[in-house]
Protein backbone atom coordinates (compact mmCIF):
# COMPACT_ATOMS: atom_id res chain seq x y z
CA MET A 1 84.11 110.78 106.33
CA ARG A 2 84.81 113.60 107.98
CA GLU A 3 88.68 115.24 107.26
CA SER A 4 90.43 117.18 110.34
CA LEU A 5 92.19 119.85 107.57
CA PRO A 6 92.40 123.37 107.77
CA GLY A 7 89.33 125.30 106.92
CA SER A 8 87.45 122.34 106.91
CA ARG A 9 84.50 120.92 109.86
CA THR A 10 86.09 119.09 112.49
CA THR A 11 85.36 115.12 112.75
CA ARG A 12 82.95 115.96 116.06
CA ASP A 13 80.39 117.91 113.57
CA PRO A 14 77.42 115.97 113.18
CA PHE A 15 75.88 114.88 109.86
CA THR A 16 73.17 117.76 109.69
CA ILE A 17 69.86 117.19 107.52
CA LEU A 18 67.96 120.48 106.56
CA VAL A 19 63.84 119.67 106.76
CA ILE A 20 62.08 122.47 104.60
CA ASP A 21 58.01 122.34 104.66
CA ASP A 22 56.03 125.02 105.23
CA ASP A 23 52.75 122.46 106.38
CA PRO A 24 53.43 121.58 109.82
CA THR A 25 51.26 118.46 109.64
CA ASP A 26 53.38 117.20 106.67
CA THR A 27 56.77 118.29 108.40
CA GLU A 28 55.44 116.35 111.67
CA ARG A 29 55.05 113.19 108.83
CA LEU A 30 58.34 113.46 107.76
CA LEU A 31 60.23 114.07 110.88
CA HIS A 32 58.19 110.65 112.07
CA ALA A 33 59.54 108.69 108.92
CA ILE A 34 62.79 110.17 109.29
CA GLU A 35 62.73 108.74 112.80
CA GLN A 36 61.63 105.24 111.37
CA ALA A 37 63.83 105.25 108.98
CA ASP A 38 66.53 104.23 111.57
CA LEU A 39 69.60 106.28 109.74
CA LYS A 40 73.03 105.68 110.01
CA VAL A 41 76.15 107.67 109.21
CA ASN A 42 79.79 107.31 109.64
CA ASP A 43 80.22 109.92 112.34
CA GLY A 44 77.28 108.27 114.09
CA VAL A 45 75.44 111.76 115.16
CA ILE A 46 72.38 112.96 112.72
CA ASP A 47 70.97 116.63 113.75
CA ILE A 48 67.94 117.40 112.16
CA GLN A 49 67.12 121.08 111.49
CA VAL A 50 63.54 122.56 110.27
CA ARG A 51 62.66 125.85 108.60
CA SER A 52 59.37 126.66 107.55
CA SER A 53 60.54 128.62 104.31
CA ALA A 54 63.04 128.78 101.81
CA GLU A 55 64.59 132.07 102.64
CA GLY A 56 64.79 130.79 106.39
CA ALA A 57 66.44 127.60 105.17
CA LEU A 58 69.11 129.95 102.87
CA GLN A 59 70.18 132.07 105.69
CA LEU A 60 70.84 128.73 108.11
CA LEU A 61 72.98 127.15 105.07
CA GLU A 62 75.01 130.41 105.18
CA GLU A 63 75.46 130.01 109.16
CA ARG A 64 76.50 126.72 109.14
CA PRO A 65 77.49 123.65 106.95
CA VAL A 66 74.73 121.34 106.01
CA ASP A 67 74.61 117.48 104.54
CA LEU A 68 71.60 116.78 103.16
CA VAL A 69 68.59 118.57 102.19
CA LEU A 70 64.57 117.44 102.22
CA THR A 71 62.36 120.32 100.74
CA ASP A 72 59.08 120.61 99.67
CA VAL A 73 58.47 122.24 96.19
CA VAL A 74 55.33 124.10 96.87
CA MET A 75 55.84 126.53 99.41
CA ARG A 76 54.91 130.08 100.31
CA GLY A 77 57.44 132.77 99.06
CA LEU A 78 60.65 131.05 97.30
CA ASP A 79 59.07 127.69 96.47
CA GLY A 80 61.09 124.47 96.07
CA LEU A 81 62.49 124.83 92.47
CA ASP A 82 63.85 128.29 93.05
CA LEU A 83 65.64 126.65 96.31
CA VAL A 84 67.66 123.85 94.46
CA ASN A 85 68.56 127.15 91.90
CA GLN A 86 69.84 128.96 95.02
CA ILE A 87 71.63 125.96 96.85
CA GLN A 88 73.18 125.01 93.90
CA LYS A 89 74.96 128.59 94.00
CA ILE A 90 75.78 128.21 97.60
CA ASP A 91 77.15 124.10 97.42
CA ARG A 92 76.90 121.90 94.07
CA ASP A 93 77.79 119.13 96.36
CA LEU A 94 75.25 118.94 98.65
CA PRO A 95 72.62 116.57 98.03
CA ILE A 96 69.08 117.63 97.74
CA LEU A 97 65.96 115.59 97.90
CA VAL A 98 62.36 117.26 97.06
CA VAL A 99 59.57 115.96 98.43
CA THR A 100 56.23 116.51 96.51
CA ARG A 101 52.59 114.78 95.88
CA LEU A 102 52.23 112.36 92.63
CA LYS A 103 50.60 115.19 90.50
CA GLY A 104 53.52 116.94 90.89
CA VAL A 105 56.34 114.40 89.90
CA ARG A 106 57.15 116.51 86.17
CA THR A 107 57.88 119.21 88.94
CA ALA A 108 60.31 117.03 90.71
CA VAL A 109 61.57 115.52 87.64
CA ASP A 110 62.23 119.58 86.71
CA ALA A 111 63.67 119.81 90.10
CA ILE A 112 66.46 116.98 89.41
CA LYS A 113 67.32 118.67 85.85
CA ARG A 114 68.39 121.48 88.08
CA GLY A 115 70.71 119.85 90.18
CA ALA A 116 68.36 117.81 93.04
CA TYR A 117 69.52 114.49 93.98
CA ASP A 118 66.07 112.55 93.96
CA TYR A 119 62.53 113.24 94.97
CA VAL A 120 60.04 111.71 97.10
CA LEU A 121 56.79 111.04 96.76
CA LYS A 122 53.98 112.28 99.30
CA PRO A 123 52.02 110.52 101.60
CA VAL A 124 55.81 109.73 102.48
CA ASN A 125 56.52 105.99 102.93
CA PRO A 126 58.90 105.50 105.84
CA VAL A 127 61.00 102.45 103.91
CA ASP A 128 60.93 104.35 100.64
CA LEU A 129 62.17 107.20 102.44
CA GLY A 130 65.15 105.37 103.87
CA MET A 131 66.30 103.96 101.10
CA ARG A 132 66.23 107.27 99.14
CA LEU A 133 68.06 109.12 102.23
CA HIS A 134 70.05 106.18 102.90
CA GLN A 135 71.61 106.28 99.12
CA ALA A 136 71.75 110.65 99.99
CA ILE A 137 73.57 110.10 102.70
CA ARG A 138 76.64 107.63 101.19
CA THR A 139 76.35 110.03 98.38
CA SER A 140 76.86 113.04 101.00
CA GLU A 141 79.71 111.59 102.41
CA ILE A 142 81.58 110.68 99.59
CA LEU A 143 81.01 114.36 98.08
CA ARG A 144 82.34 115.69 101.46
CA TYR A 145 85.55 113.42 101.78
CA ASN A 146 86.15 114.39 97.74
CA SER A 147 86.13 117.45 98.71
CA ALA A 148 88.20 117.62 101.57
CA PHE A 149 90.81 115.46 99.67
CA LYS A 150 90.84 118.56 97.10
CA ARG A 151 91.63 121.00 100.37
CA THR A 152 94.36 118.44 101.58
CA VAL A 153 96.29 118.59 97.99
CA ARG A 154 96.10 122.34 97.76
CA TYR A 155 97.02 122.48 101.07
CA GLU A 156 100.16 120.08 100.97
CA THR A 157 100.91 122.20 97.89
CA GLN A 158 101.21 125.11 99.77
CA ALA A 159 102.84 123.68 102.52
CA GLY A 160 105.36 122.21 100.63
CA GLY A 161 104.45 118.64 100.02
CA LEU A 162 104.54 117.80 103.67
CA VAL A 163 102.12 114.93 104.49
CA GLY A 164 101.40 113.56 107.82
CA ALA A 165 97.76 112.76 110.06
CA GLY A 166 99.52 112.39 113.55
CA GLU A 167 99.34 115.83 116.46
CA ALA A 168 103.24 115.75 116.10
CA PHE A 169 103.06 116.23 112.60
CA GLN A 170 100.36 119.24 112.79
CA GLN A 171 101.91 121.03 115.67
CA MET A 172 105.27 120.94 113.38
CA LEU A 173 103.08 121.87 110.64
CA LYS A 174 101.96 124.89 112.53
CA LEU A 175 105.61 126.44 113.65
CA VAL A 176 106.43 125.77 109.87
CA ARG A 177 103.45 128.18 108.99
CA GLU A 178 104.25 130.64 111.91
CA THR A 179 107.76 130.35 111.34
CA GLY A 180 107.31 131.01 107.49
CA GLN A 181 105.72 134.65 108.30
CA THR A 182 108.69 136.04 110.27
CA ARG A 183 112.60 136.28 109.60
CA SER A 184 113.86 134.57 112.55
CA THR A 185 117.00 132.17 112.28
CA VAL A 186 115.44 128.58 112.36
CA LEU A 187 117.46 125.77 113.42
CA ILE A 188 115.89 122.49 112.13
CA THR A 189 116.68 118.91 114.29
CA GLY A 190 116.14 115.04 113.32
CA GLU A 191 117.55 112.12 112.29
CA THR A 192 118.68 111.78 108.47
CA GLY A 193 116.04 111.31 105.86
CA THR A 194 113.46 112.84 108.09
CA GLY A 195 112.81 115.32 105.85
CA LYS A 196 114.57 118.57 107.42
CA GLY A 197 115.28 119.89 103.82
CA MET A 198 111.51 119.73 102.68
CA ILE A 199 110.67 121.55 106.11
CA ALA A 200 113.14 124.35 105.58
CA ARG A 201 112.05 124.60 101.69
CA ALA A 202 108.12 125.06 103.06
CA ILE A 203 109.44 127.74 105.68
CA HIS A 204 110.53 129.80 102.65
CA GLU A 205 107.59 128.75 100.77
CA GLN A 206 105.48 130.34 103.16
CA SER A 207 107.49 133.47 103.49
CA GLN A 208 106.83 136.78 101.87
CA GLU A 209 110.01 135.94 99.87
CA HIS A 210 108.91 132.79 98.34
CA ASP A 211 109.32 134.21 94.69
CA ARG A 212 113.51 134.92 96.01
CA THR A 213 116.20 132.83 95.97
CA TYR A 214 116.53 129.46 97.96
CA GLN A 215 120.38 128.85 98.40
CA VAL A 216 120.87 125.59 99.57
CA ILE A 217 124.23 124.90 101.10
CA ASP A 218 125.34 121.53 102.27
CA CYS A 219 128.09 121.49 104.55
CA THR A 220 129.40 118.11 103.72
CA THR A 221 130.00 118.30 100.51
CA MET A 222 131.76 121.32 100.05
CA PRO A 223 135.61 120.62 99.63
CA GLU A 224 137.54 121.99 102.74
CA GLY A 225 139.67 124.11 100.76
CA MET A 226 136.78 125.95 99.21
CA ILE A 227 133.99 126.41 101.51
CA GLU A 228 135.22 129.58 102.50
CA SER A 229 135.50 131.05 99.09
CA GLU A 230 132.17 129.25 98.20
CA LEU A 231 130.17 130.77 101.29
CA PHE A 232 131.76 133.88 101.21
CA GLY A 233 133.09 134.75 97.83
CA HIS A 234 136.65 136.05 97.06
CA VAL A 235 138.38 138.96 95.33
CA ARG A 236 140.77 138.78 92.49
CA GLY A 237 144.19 137.43 93.53
CA ALA A 238 143.29 136.11 96.74
CA PHE A 239 144.35 133.11 96.29
CA THR A 240 146.04 131.13 93.19
CA GLY A 241 143.20 130.48 90.94
CA ALA A 242 141.43 133.66 92.06
CA ILE A 243 141.54 135.13 88.28
CA SER A 244 138.20 137.39 88.93
CA ASP A 245 136.17 138.68 91.60
CA LYS A 246 133.52 136.01 92.39
CA PRO A 247 130.22 136.36 94.69
CA GLY A 248 129.98 133.54 97.58
CA LEU A 249 126.67 131.70 97.91
CA ILE A 250 125.78 133.20 100.91
CA GLU A 251 125.59 136.54 98.90
CA LEU A 252 123.92 134.94 95.79
CA ALA A 253 120.65 134.33 98.18
CA GLU A 254 120.71 138.12 98.78
CA GLY A 255 116.56 139.04 99.96
CA GLY A 256 115.97 135.40 99.72
CA THR A 257 117.01 132.33 102.25
CA VAL A 258 120.05 130.29 102.63
CA PHE A 259 119.45 126.72 103.76
CA LEU A 260 122.70 125.08 105.66
CA ASP A 261 122.25 121.46 105.22
CA GLU A 262 124.12 119.52 107.75
CA ILE A 263 125.80 122.94 110.18
CA GLY A 264 127.28 120.67 112.37
CA ASP A 265 129.95 119.78 109.76
CA LEU A 266 131.22 123.45 109.49
CA PRO A 267 134.30 123.66 110.08
CA LEU A 268 135.33 125.53 113.73
CA SER A 269 137.28 128.15 112.19
CA LEU A 270 134.27 129.53 109.70
CA GLN A 271 131.79 129.56 112.01
CA ALA A 272 133.19 132.63 113.79
CA LYS A 273 132.62 134.15 110.18
CA LEU A 274 129.09 132.80 110.09
CA LEU A 275 127.97 134.47 113.41
CA HIS A 276 129.45 137.59 111.98
CA VAL A 277 127.19 137.54 109.01
CA LEU A 278 124.25 136.28 111.42
CA GLU A 279 124.75 139.10 113.87
CA GLU A 280 126.03 141.67 111.54
CA ASN A 281 124.14 141.11 108.09
CA GLU A 282 127.41 141.75 106.30
CA ILE A 283 130.13 139.31 105.18
CA ARG A 284 133.39 139.70 103.68
CA ARG A 285 134.82 138.37 100.77
CA VAL A 286 138.04 136.33 101.02
CA GLY A 287 140.90 138.78 100.53
CA ALA A 288 138.65 141.52 100.44
CA THR A 289 139.50 144.80 102.98
CA ARG A 290 135.66 146.01 103.05
CA THR A 291 132.39 144.51 104.14
CA LYS A 292 129.26 144.29 101.98
CA ALA A 293 125.44 144.37 103.44
CA VAL A 294 123.83 141.12 103.01
CA GLU A 295 120.00 141.06 103.92
CA THR A 296 119.60 137.09 104.31
CA ARG A 297 117.36 134.71 106.24
CA PHE A 298 119.39 131.75 107.44
CA ILE A 299 117.72 128.25 108.30
CA ALA A 300 119.88 125.37 109.39
CA ALA A 301 119.35 121.84 109.54
CA THR A 302 121.85 118.85 111.83
CA ASN A 303 121.23 115.16 112.74
CA GLN A 304 123.64 115.79 114.74
CA ASP A 305 123.34 116.81 119.03
CA LEU A 306 124.84 120.55 118.61
CA GLU A 307 124.43 121.08 122.72
CA GLU A 308 126.71 117.74 123.28
CA LYS A 309 128.90 119.45 120.15
CA VAL A 310 129.22 122.43 121.95
CA ARG A 311 130.10 120.76 125.42
CA ALA A 312 132.39 118.74 123.62
CA GLY A 313 134.12 122.16 121.93
CA ALA A 314 133.25 121.35 118.39
CA PHE A 315 130.68 123.92 118.05
CA ARG A 316 130.54 127.50 118.96
CA LYS A 317 128.09 128.27 122.05
CA ASP A 318 127.35 131.61 120.64
CA LEU A 319 126.79 130.17 116.87
CA TYR A 320 124.28 127.37 118.36
CA TYR A 321 122.36 130.08 120.34
CA ARG A 322 122.40 132.53 117.17
CA LEU A 323 121.01 129.59 115.19
CA ALA A 324 118.42 128.43 117.69
CA VAL A 325 115.97 131.20 117.61
CA VAL A 326 113.02 129.06 116.44
CA VAL A 327 113.82 125.36 116.77
CA ILE A 328 112.12 122.68 114.78
CA HIS A 329 112.66 119.13 115.92
CA VAL A 330 111.55 116.25 113.23
CA PRO A 331 110.66 113.09 115.27
CA PRO A 332 111.68 109.48 113.33
CA LEU A 333 109.26 107.97 111.70
CA ARG A 334 109.38 104.85 114.12
CA GLU A 335 107.60 107.50 116.66
CA ARG A 336 105.08 108.88 114.55
CA LYS A 337 103.58 105.66 112.69
CA GLU A 338 100.21 107.40 112.11
CA ASP A 339 102.12 109.44 109.51
CA ILE A 340 102.86 106.56 107.58
CA PRO A 341 99.66 105.34 105.85
CA PRO A 342 99.14 109.16 104.36
CA ILE A 343 102.77 109.67 103.33
CA ALA A 344 102.89 105.86 102.12
CA ARG A 345 99.67 106.71 100.27
CA HIS A 346 100.59 110.24 99.32
CA LEU A 347 104.07 108.69 97.69
CA CYS A 348 102.25 106.31 95.89
CA ALA A 349 100.00 108.26 94.05
CA GLN A 350 102.43 110.42 93.64
CA PHE A 351 104.91 107.66 91.69
CA GLY A 352 101.93 106.24 90.23
CA ARG A 353 101.34 109.37 88.10
CA GLU A 354 105.02 109.48 87.11
CA MET A 355 105.19 106.05 86.07
CA ASN A 356 101.90 106.14 84.14
CA LYS A 357 100.33 104.03 86.92
CA PRO A 358 97.54 106.34 88.12
CA HIS A 359 95.40 103.59 89.75
CA CYS A 360 98.23 102.12 91.88
CA VAL A 361 97.19 101.99 95.56
CA LEU A 362 98.58 100.13 98.67
CA GLU A 363 96.23 97.04 100.12
CA ALA A 364 95.70 97.72 103.86
CA SER A 365 97.64 94.88 104.24
CA ALA A 366 100.66 96.17 102.97
CA ILE A 367 99.93 99.30 105.16
CA GLU A 368 100.17 97.13 108.16
CA GLU A 369 103.25 95.64 106.81
CA MET A 370 105.07 99.14 107.01
CA LEU A 371 103.45 99.69 110.00
CA GLU A 372 105.51 96.99 111.29
CA TYR A 373 109.00 98.19 110.07
CA ALA A 374 110.89 100.62 112.52
CA TRP A 375 112.05 102.76 109.00
CA PRO A 376 115.55 103.34 110.17
CA GLY A 377 116.20 105.04 107.19
CA ASN A 378 112.86 107.14 108.04
CA VAL A 379 110.89 109.20 105.17
CA ARG A 380 113.66 108.90 102.82
CA GLU A 381 114.18 105.09 103.00
CA LEU A 382 109.85 105.08 103.07
CA ARG A 383 110.01 107.01 99.89
CA ASN A 384 112.71 104.74 98.11
CA VAL A 385 110.42 101.19 99.23
CA ILE A 386 107.64 102.92 97.68
CA GLU A 387 109.13 104.33 94.44
CA ARG A 388 110.35 100.59 94.18
CA ALA A 389 106.91 98.85 95.04
CA VAL A 390 105.41 101.19 92.07
CA MET A 391 108.19 100.46 89.93
CA ILE A 392 107.98 96.63 90.02
CA ALA A 393 104.05 96.65 90.19
CA THR A 394 102.12 94.46 87.50
CA GLU A 395 98.57 95.02 89.23
CA ASN A 396 96.67 98.20 90.51
CA GLU A 397 97.28 96.99 94.12
CA ILE A 398 100.20 96.29 95.54
CA SER A 399 100.31 93.69 98.31
CA CYS A 400 102.03 93.02 101.77
CA GLU A 401 103.89 90.44 100.11
CA GLU A 402 105.20 92.98 97.71
CA ILE A 403 106.26 95.38 100.25
CA ARG A 404 107.47 92.46 102.52
CA SER A 405 110.24 91.40 100.00
CA LEU A 406 111.26 95.06 99.70
CA LEU A 407 112.09 95.52 103.41
CA PRO A 408 114.74 94.16 105.17
CA ALA A 409 113.93 91.02 107.83
CA SER A 410 115.66 92.54 110.86
CA GLY A 411 113.88 95.86 110.89
CA LYS A 412 110.55 94.97 112.55
CA ALA A 413 109.12 97.76 115.01
CA GLY A 414 110.21 96.58 118.24
CA SER A 415 112.37 93.68 117.32
CA GLU A 416 115.26 94.68 119.25
CA ARG A 417 113.51 95.83 122.44
CA PRO A 418 114.72 93.25 125.12
CA ARG A 419 111.93 92.17 127.45
CA SER A 420 112.30 90.27 131.14
CA TYR A 421 109.57 89.09 133.29
CA ALA A 422 112.10 87.22 135.57
CA SER A 423 110.79 89.64 138.35
CA MET A 424 107.24 89.38 137.76
CA SER A 425 104.07 86.96 138.53
CA TYR A 426 103.07 84.88 135.57
CA VAL A 427 99.62 87.22 135.77
CA GLU A 428 101.83 90.44 135.77
CA ALA A 429 103.83 89.30 133.10
CA LYS A 430 100.74 87.99 131.08
CA ASN A 431 98.85 91.46 131.59
CA GLN A 432 101.84 93.77 130.74
CA VAL A 433 102.40 91.63 127.20
CA LEU A 434 98.55 91.76 126.40
CA GLY A 435 98.42 95.60 127.49
CA GLU A 436 101.25 96.30 125.09
CA PHE A 437 100.02 94.24 122.02
CA THR A 438 96.34 95.47 122.89
CA ALA A 439 97.78 99.30 122.40
CA GLU A 440 100.12 98.87 119.46
CA TYR A 441 96.99 96.87 117.96
CA LEU A 442 94.70 99.51 118.41
CA LYS A 443 97.37 102.12 117.13
CA GLU A 444 97.83 100.81 113.94
CA LYS A 445 94.59 99.77 113.42
CA LEU A 446 93.19 103.23 113.70
CA ALA A 447 96.51 104.32 111.95
CA VAL A 448 95.52 101.98 108.83
CA HIS A 449 92.12 103.59 108.37
CA GLY A 450 92.86 107.31 108.98
CA GLY A 451 91.52 107.37 112.52
CA HIS A 452 88.36 106.14 111.77
CA LEU A 453 87.03 104.45 114.73
CA THR A 454 83.90 102.69 113.22
CA LYS A 455 86.06 101.18 110.04
CA ALA A 456 88.75 100.42 112.47
CA ALA A 457 86.34 98.47 114.24
CA GLU A 458 85.10 96.57 111.26
CA ALA A 459 88.22 96.01 110.22
CA SER A 460 88.98 94.26 113.84
CA GLY A 461 85.91 92.34 113.82
CA LEU A 462 84.90 93.95 116.94
CA GLN A 463 81.72 95.99 117.83
CA ARG A 464 82.16 99.76 117.37
CA GLN A 465 81.41 100.57 120.91
CA TYR A 466 83.79 97.99 122.76
CA PHE A 467 86.31 99.04 120.16
CA SER A 468 86.10 102.53 121.41
CA THR A 469 85.93 101.41 125.26
CA LEU A 470 89.65 99.82 124.38
CA VAL A 471 90.88 102.59 122.56
CA LYS A 472 90.34 104.84 125.58
CA ARG A 473 91.66 102.29 128.12
CA TYR A 474 94.28 101.75 125.88
CA LEU A 475 95.16 105.02 124.30
CA GLY A 476 93.32 107.56 126.33
CA ASP A 477 91.33 110.42 124.99
CA VAL A 478 90.71 110.25 121.16
CA THR A 479 88.07 112.66 120.93
CA ASN A 480 89.68 114.44 118.52
CA ASP A 481 89.97 111.17 116.29
CA LYS A 482 87.63 110.29 113.30
CA THR A 483 84.63 108.33 114.81
């Protein structure tokens, strides 16, 4: 199974077998035996590369990825044993099958001790070769998947723990990485619970100032009479109780990042002062006669329609445009269902570790149940459900029934969509319902199986070719999906 990950191979790369033998006759027999073996790989395409020397093989390995090596032992120049040593230095996860004659069995065993996966005897028996190659292919795919998973974990850590699989998520993550390299002001929009705070934190972590202060200011929780002092600070005697000078939260974040959560709730009276800070890079404490320079990066987030608030006179137009230098919109979870499986599995693994249940996993049916739900509370609600599911789990696998018991019955996705077929003929209405069902079914099957066409087709009880045809017909171009 291939993963589309940063720095990894794409899902369209063929499964590459490298054959190394300096005897043309033996090479021809080996290729014929491989053809008779009728090999199958998850990606469907096998590419066989042939080299007549170990040196040529090593050059190829430096130039492109290889999934499996089949090499003779006795060759001119660098022999097979030395080649195994060299390959181990390049890629310890690359399965190597050595080919030798019967009298060279001890040499083959030596190769295995050095890291080779298995050996094959000459003259090559197609049935025996096929069995060993099938086993090696499965091993290669497992090792590649594990390697990709480890890269994913590292990448998620670097990106602030953000998890997703869909195109919208990938575009959003790309924008997070790019924005992190600048000091531009960012406005993050989206419904409550979509993870706007995590994105803000990820932007800060991607920046050169990641080791500086990251100050979170929730505009909805500050006491109305104290918010100005909290933001900008005050001097002694500025008001009753101001017995000493006090820096504000913005000033305390000097050189770092200020995250203004729910900026739409900032009182109109303070918006002009915040605009001044953004434009002039200076603050004036309450009661002070002088300003103080600050070098702070601002990220704001809101679940409100600020443009509508501008039109209603409840939010300053100039402040809105100053905040919206870069806008990142986080779609609700119901609009990016393909992200639900990876997020759910990630959270399950996280809570499993925290609750000393490291083997706790979600059944495929449990994922399907979650795909049926509309998630009005978005990722925050999903997180709460997974946490409760892991907490009450008595078995290693969390079932569909357990997830269903934690979800409101009224939250099925699409349960509130009105349908009217009065203006249609029976055939038209039937075709529309069938088309909607098919598209939704295909989308959810692919989501459950991580976009893997072969596995989704098998789970559906359909031939892969027919399943692929349906996907192209109802979901469009899926050339970026796993095959």
